[in-house]
Amino acid sequence: MADSGAVAASGRRNAKLKRRPRGSLDVEDIITGAFELAEDVSISGLSMPVVARHLGVPLTSIYWHFRKKEDLLDAMTDRAIKEYHFTTPFEGGGAWQQALRTHFRNMRRVFQENPVLCELVLMRSGELSPEATHASVDNLEKVIKTMVDDAGFKPDDALTVYLALSGHTQGTAIIERLNASQQRPGRRRVTGVTTAHPLLNKLETKGHTIVDVEFEFTLDAIIKRAEDLLASPGGRNRRGTN
């Protein structure tokens, strides 16, 4: 049933799509087509026949490059990670607190605006290519170096702070994506709160529900803890030491 719905969605968008010339399809074409489809049918709605129909090629052309769906998703994840790093660079300079806030607010926004990116980067397990792994580690090294050189963190504290903020932001993005996927168009999500829960019910009438994620509250709390680390005896890194 999922395949039939996805095929219909693809068919509507590509009713006049002409079949590609033999040999004109490459790996990047398939990955691009899969991303286009995933925006309509989600990652779970993808299948090899659906992708083939969307691209106007024989199914065997897809299997020539990818033996199974998981191989295609791995390739999509590699591209998603590269795009994620490109769209969420860490920019130092100025107050380190604001630089971190801006970085992680941007990270959250990117995942909010790109559900497929969120599902691939955060919500599935798969094997990354050496290139994608290397890109991730390179990005982390640059951030930690900036925090050490510009803000004065010790390397271990810089890593702890960054990973705490990253875990908070990515966890928030996952919760928001799950909430969005369970939301029916035009209907408010049922939380289970009734008049039998007077405190929660009162909060809901003010627009604050139990499915809200208090992103800024925890962001500020982690940054405050980071400030305390820097202010503590021996909390600052000395140049030339580890």
Protein backbone atom coordinates (compact mmCIF):
# COMPACT_ATOMS: atom_id res chain seq x y z
CA MET A 1 0.00 0.00 0.00
CA ALA A 2 2.86 2.41 0.83
CA ASP A 3 4.45 1.77 -2.57
CA SER A 4 1.19 2.38 -4.43
CA GLY A 5 0.69 5.74 -2.70
CA ALA A 6 4.27 6.77 -3.38
CA VAL A 7 4.02 5.69 -7.01
CA ALA A 8 0.85 7.74 -7.38
CA ALA A 9 2.56 10.81 -5.90
CA SER A 10 5.50 10.35 -8.23
CA GLY A 11 3.23 9.72 -11.18
CA ARG A 12 1.28 12.93 -10.60
CA ARG A 13 4.47 14.97 -10.57
CA ASN A 14 5.92 13.23 -13.60
CA ALA A 15 2.93 12.41 -15.77
CA LYS A 16 4.76 13.59 -18.88
CA LEU A 17 8.21 12.35 -17.87
CA LYS A 18 10.05 10.80 -20.80
CA ARG A 19 12.13 7.69 -20.36
CA ARG A 20 15.83 8.45 -20.19
CA PRO A 21 18.18 7.29 -22.92
CA ARG A 22 19.95 4.06 -22.06
CA GLY A 23 23.19 4.65 -20.16
CA SER A 24 22.35 8.26 -19.23
CA LEU A 25 21.69 7.53 -15.53
CA ASP A 26 24.47 7.84 -12.95
CA VAL A 27 24.65 7.46 -9.18
CA GLU A 28 24.20 11.17 -8.47
CA ASP A 29 21.03 11.24 -10.60
CA ILE A 30 19.56 8.43 -8.52
CA ILE A 31 20.45 10.09 -5.21
CA THR A 32 18.99 13.41 -6.36
CA GLY A 33 15.80 11.71 -7.51
CA ALA A 34 15.52 9.86 -4.20
CA PHE A 35 15.79 13.15 -2.30
CA GLU A 36 13.09 14.69 -4.48
CA LEU A 37 10.79 11.76 -3.79
CA ALA A 38 11.55 11.63 -0.06
CA GLU A 39 10.28 15.19 0.30
CA ASP A 40 6.87 13.90 -0.84
CA VAL A 41 6.68 10.40 0.62
CA SER A 42 9.29 10.46 3.44
CA ILE A 43 12.20 8.05 3.85
CA SER A 44 9.87 5.21 4.82
CA GLY A 45 7.90 5.66 1.59
CA LEU A 46 10.92 5.23 -0.65
CA SER A 47 11.44 2.01 -2.56
CA MET A 48 13.49 1.01 -5.55
CA PRO A 49 10.45 0.70 -7.88
CA VAL A 50 9.20 4.13 -6.80
CA VAL A 51 12.58 5.75 -7.47
CA ALA A 52 12.81 4.05 -10.87
CA ARG A 53 9.36 5.29 -11.85
CA HIS A 54 10.17 8.80 -10.66
CA LEU A 55 13.33 8.87 -12.79
CA GLY A 56 11.71 7.20 -15.79
CA VAL A 57 14.19 4.33 -15.94
CA PRO A 58 13.95 0.53 -15.75
CA LEU A 59 14.14 -0.89 -12.25
CA THR A 60 17.29 -2.78 -13.24
CA SER A 61 19.05 0.56 -13.75
CA ILE A 62 18.58 1.37 -10.06
CA TYR A 63 19.75 -2.06 -8.94
CA TRP A 64 22.82 -1.72 -11.15
CA HIS A 65 24.06 1.01 -8.80
CA PHE A 66 22.38 0.04 -5.50
CA ARG A 67 21.72 -3.57 -4.55
CA LYS A 68 19.14 -2.68 -1.87
CA LYS A 69 17.31 0.28 -0.38
CA GLU A 70 19.71 0.53 2.58
CA ASP A 71 22.62 1.08 0.18
CA LEU A 72 20.72 3.96 -1.40
CA LEU A 73 19.89 5.42 2.02
CA ASP A 74 23.57 5.21 3.00
CA ALA A 75 24.48 7.22 -0.11
CA MET A 76 21.74 9.73 0.66
CA THR A 77 23.02 10.03 4.24
CA ASP A 78 26.53 10.77 2.99
CA ARG A 79 25.20 13.62 0.87
CA ALA A 80 22.95 14.82 3.71
CA ILE A 81 25.88 15.05 6.10
CA LYS A 82 27.88 17.09 3.61
CA GLU A 83 24.90 19.42 3.11
CA TYR A 84 24.36 19.65 6.87
CA HIS A 85 27.96 20.72 7.49
CA PHE A 86 27.76 23.22 4.62
CA THR A 87 24.59 24.83 5.94
CA THR A 88 25.58 24.90 9.64
CA PRO A 89 29.14 26.26 9.77
CA PHE A 90 30.51 27.38 13.11
CA GLU A 91 31.59 31.00 12.92
CA GLY A 92 33.88 32.23 15.68
CA GLY A 93 34.69 35.82 16.52
CA GLY A 94 32.88 38.02 18.98
CA ALA A 95 31.44 36.62 22.19
CA TRP A 96 31.74 32.84 22.30
CA GLN A 97 28.35 32.56 24.02
CA GLN A 98 26.58 34.22 21.10
CA ALA A 99 28.58 32.21 18.58
CA LEU A 100 27.41 28.97 20.20
CA ARG A 101 23.80 30.16 20.45
CA THR A 102 23.78 31.16 16.78
CA HIS A 103 25.39 27.91 15.69
CA PHE A 104 22.93 25.66 17.49
CA ARG A 105 19.88 27.75 16.66
CA ASN A 106 20.89 27.47 13.02
CA MET A 107 21.40 23.73 13.40
CA ARG A 108 17.90 23.34 14.83
CA ARG A 109 16.43 25.51 12.06
CA VAL A 110 18.12 23.46 9.32
CA PHE A 111 16.61 20.24 10.69
CA GLN A 112 13.20 21.89 11.09
CA GLU A 113 13.21 23.10 7.50
CA ASN A 114 14.61 19.87 6.05
CA PRO A 115 12.74 16.84 7.46
CA VAL A 116 14.54 14.44 5.11
CA LEU A 117 17.90 15.76 6.34
CA CYS A 118 16.75 15.22 9.92
CA GLU A 119 15.63 11.67 9.25
CA LEU A 120 18.83 10.71 7.45
CA VAL A 121 21.39 12.41 9.69
CA LEU A 122 19.74 11.89 13.07
CA MET A 123 17.12 9.17 12.89
CA ARG A 124 18.62 6.24 11.03
CA SER A 125 21.60 4.03 11.64
CA GLY A 126 23.81 3.22 8.71
CA GLU A 127 27.42 3.01 7.69
CA LEU A 128 29.02 6.30 6.70
CA SER A 129 31.63 6.50 3.99
CA PRO A 130 35.18 7.38 5.05
CA GLU A 131 34.70 10.77 3.36
CA ALA A 132 31.58 11.60 5.39
CA THR A 133 33.21 10.43 8.62
CA HIS A 134 36.28 12.52 7.87
CA ALA A 135 34.12 15.59 7.15
CA SER A 136 32.33 15.20 10.48
CA VAL A 137 35.57 14.90 12.43
CA ASP A 138 37.11 17.84 10.56
CA ASN A 139 34.12 19.99 11.46
CA LEU A 140 34.32 19.02 15.14
CA GLU A 141 38.07 19.73 15.25
CA LYS A 142 37.52 23.25 13.88
CA VAL A 143 34.84 24.04 16.46
CA ILE A 144 36.88 22.75 19.39
CA LYS A 145 39.95 24.66 18.21
CA THR A 146 37.92 27.88 18.02
CA MET A 147 36.56 27.36 21.53
CA VAL A 148 40.06 26.71 22.86
CA ASP A 149 41.86 29.53 21.01
CA ASP A 150 39.19 32.25 21.14
CA ALA A 151 37.29 31.56 24.37
CA GLY A 152 40.05 29.95 26.42
CA PHE A 153 38.40 26.61 27.13
CA LYS A 154 40.52 23.63 27.98
CA PRO A 155 40.16 21.07 25.16
CA ASP A 156 38.29 18.54 27.28
CA ASP A 157 35.86 21.19 28.55
CA ALA A 158 35.35 22.54 25.03
CA LEU A 159 34.45 19.05 23.80
CA THR A 160 32.11 18.45 26.74
CA VAL A 161 30.27 21.74 26.19
CA TYR A 162 29.96 21.25 22.44
CA LEU A 163 28.70 17.67 22.73
CA ALA A 164 26.16 18.70 25.39
CA LEU A 165 24.80 21.45 23.14
CA SER A 166 24.87 19.17 20.11
CA GLY A 167 23.02 16.40 21.94
CA HIS A 168 20.40 18.87 23.17
CA THR A 169 19.88 20.36 19.70
CA GLN A 170 19.75 17.06 17.88
CA GLY A 171 17.44 15.57 20.49
CA THR A 172 15.14 18.57 20.11
CA ALA A 173 15.14 18.15 16.33
CA ILE A 174 14.22 14.47 16.63
CA ILE A 175 11.34 15.20 19.03
CA GLU A 176 10.06 17.97 16.77
CA ARG A 177 10.25 15.72 13.73
CA LEU A 178 8.40 12.91 15.49
CA ASN A 179 5.73 15.35 16.68
CA ALA A 180 5.33 16.72 13.15
CA SER A 181 5.06 13.25 11.62
CA GLN A 182 2.24 12.37 14.03
CA GLN A 183 0.36 15.61 13.42
CA ARG A 184 -2.71 15.31 11.21
CA PRO A 185 -3.19 18.21 8.79
CA GLY A 186 -5.61 20.79 10.16
CA ARG A 187 -5.93 19.09 13.53
CA ARG A 188 -4.36 19.83 16.88
CA ARG A 189 -2.30 17.00 18.27
CA VAL A 190 -4.00 15.16 21.15
CA THR A 191 -1.92 15.37 24.35
CA GLY A 192 -4.25 13.54 26.74
CA VAL A 193 -4.57 16.58 29.02
CA THR A 194 -8.13 17.17 30.26
CA THR A 195 -9.88 19.11 33.02
CA ALA A 196 -8.85 16.25 35.30
CA HIS A 197 -5.33 17.73 35.07
CA PRO A 198 -5.96 21.30 36.26
CA LEU A 199 -2.36 22.52 36.25
CA LEU A 200 -1.50 21.12 32.82
CA ASN A 201 -4.88 22.12 31.45
CA LYS A 202 -4.35 25.71 32.53
CA LEU A 203 -0.94 25.76 30.87
CA GLU A 204 -2.41 24.37 27.65
CA THR A 205 -5.00 27.14 27.54
CA LYS A 206 -2.08 29.56 27.58
CA GLY A 207 -0.53 27.77 24.61
CA HIS A 208 2.10 25.83 26.54
CA THR A 209 1.69 22.08 26.05
CA ILE A 210 3.52 18.98 27.21
CA VAL A 211 4.79 18.40 23.66
CA ASP A 212 6.57 21.77 23.57
CA VAL A 213 10.34 21.57 23.66
CA GLU A 214 12.00 24.23 25.81
CA PHE A 215 15.01 24.58 23.56
CA GLU A 216 16.18 28.01 24.74
CA PHE A 217 15.91 27.12 28.44
CA THR A 218 18.35 24.22 28.16
CA LEU A 219 20.56 26.11 25.69
CA ASP A 220 21.02 28.89 28.23
CA ALA A 221 21.55 26.42 31.07
CA ILE A 222 24.39 24.63 29.25
CA ILE A 223 26.07 27.91 28.29
CA LYS A 224 25.78 29.11 31.91
CA ARG A 225 27.48 25.90 33.01
CA ALA A 226 30.21 26.56 30.44
CA GLU A 227 30.73 30.06 31.88
CA ASP A 228 31.09 28.49 35.32
CA LEU A 229 33.73 26.11 33.97
CA LEU A 230 35.77 29.01 32.61
CA ALA A 231 35.42 30.97 35.85
CA SER A 232 36.50 28.07 38.07
CA PRO A 233 40.10 27.82 39.35
CA GLY A 234 42.21 26.35 36.55
CA GLY A 235 39.24 26.51 34.20
CA ARG A 236 41.00 28.43 31.47
CA ASN A 237 43.40 26.87 29.00
CA ARG A 238 46.97 28.09 29.08
CA ARG A 239 48.52 28.72 25.68
CA GLY A 240 50.68 25.86 24.53
CA THR A 241 49.28 23.36 27.07
CA ASN A 242 46.77 20.54 26.77
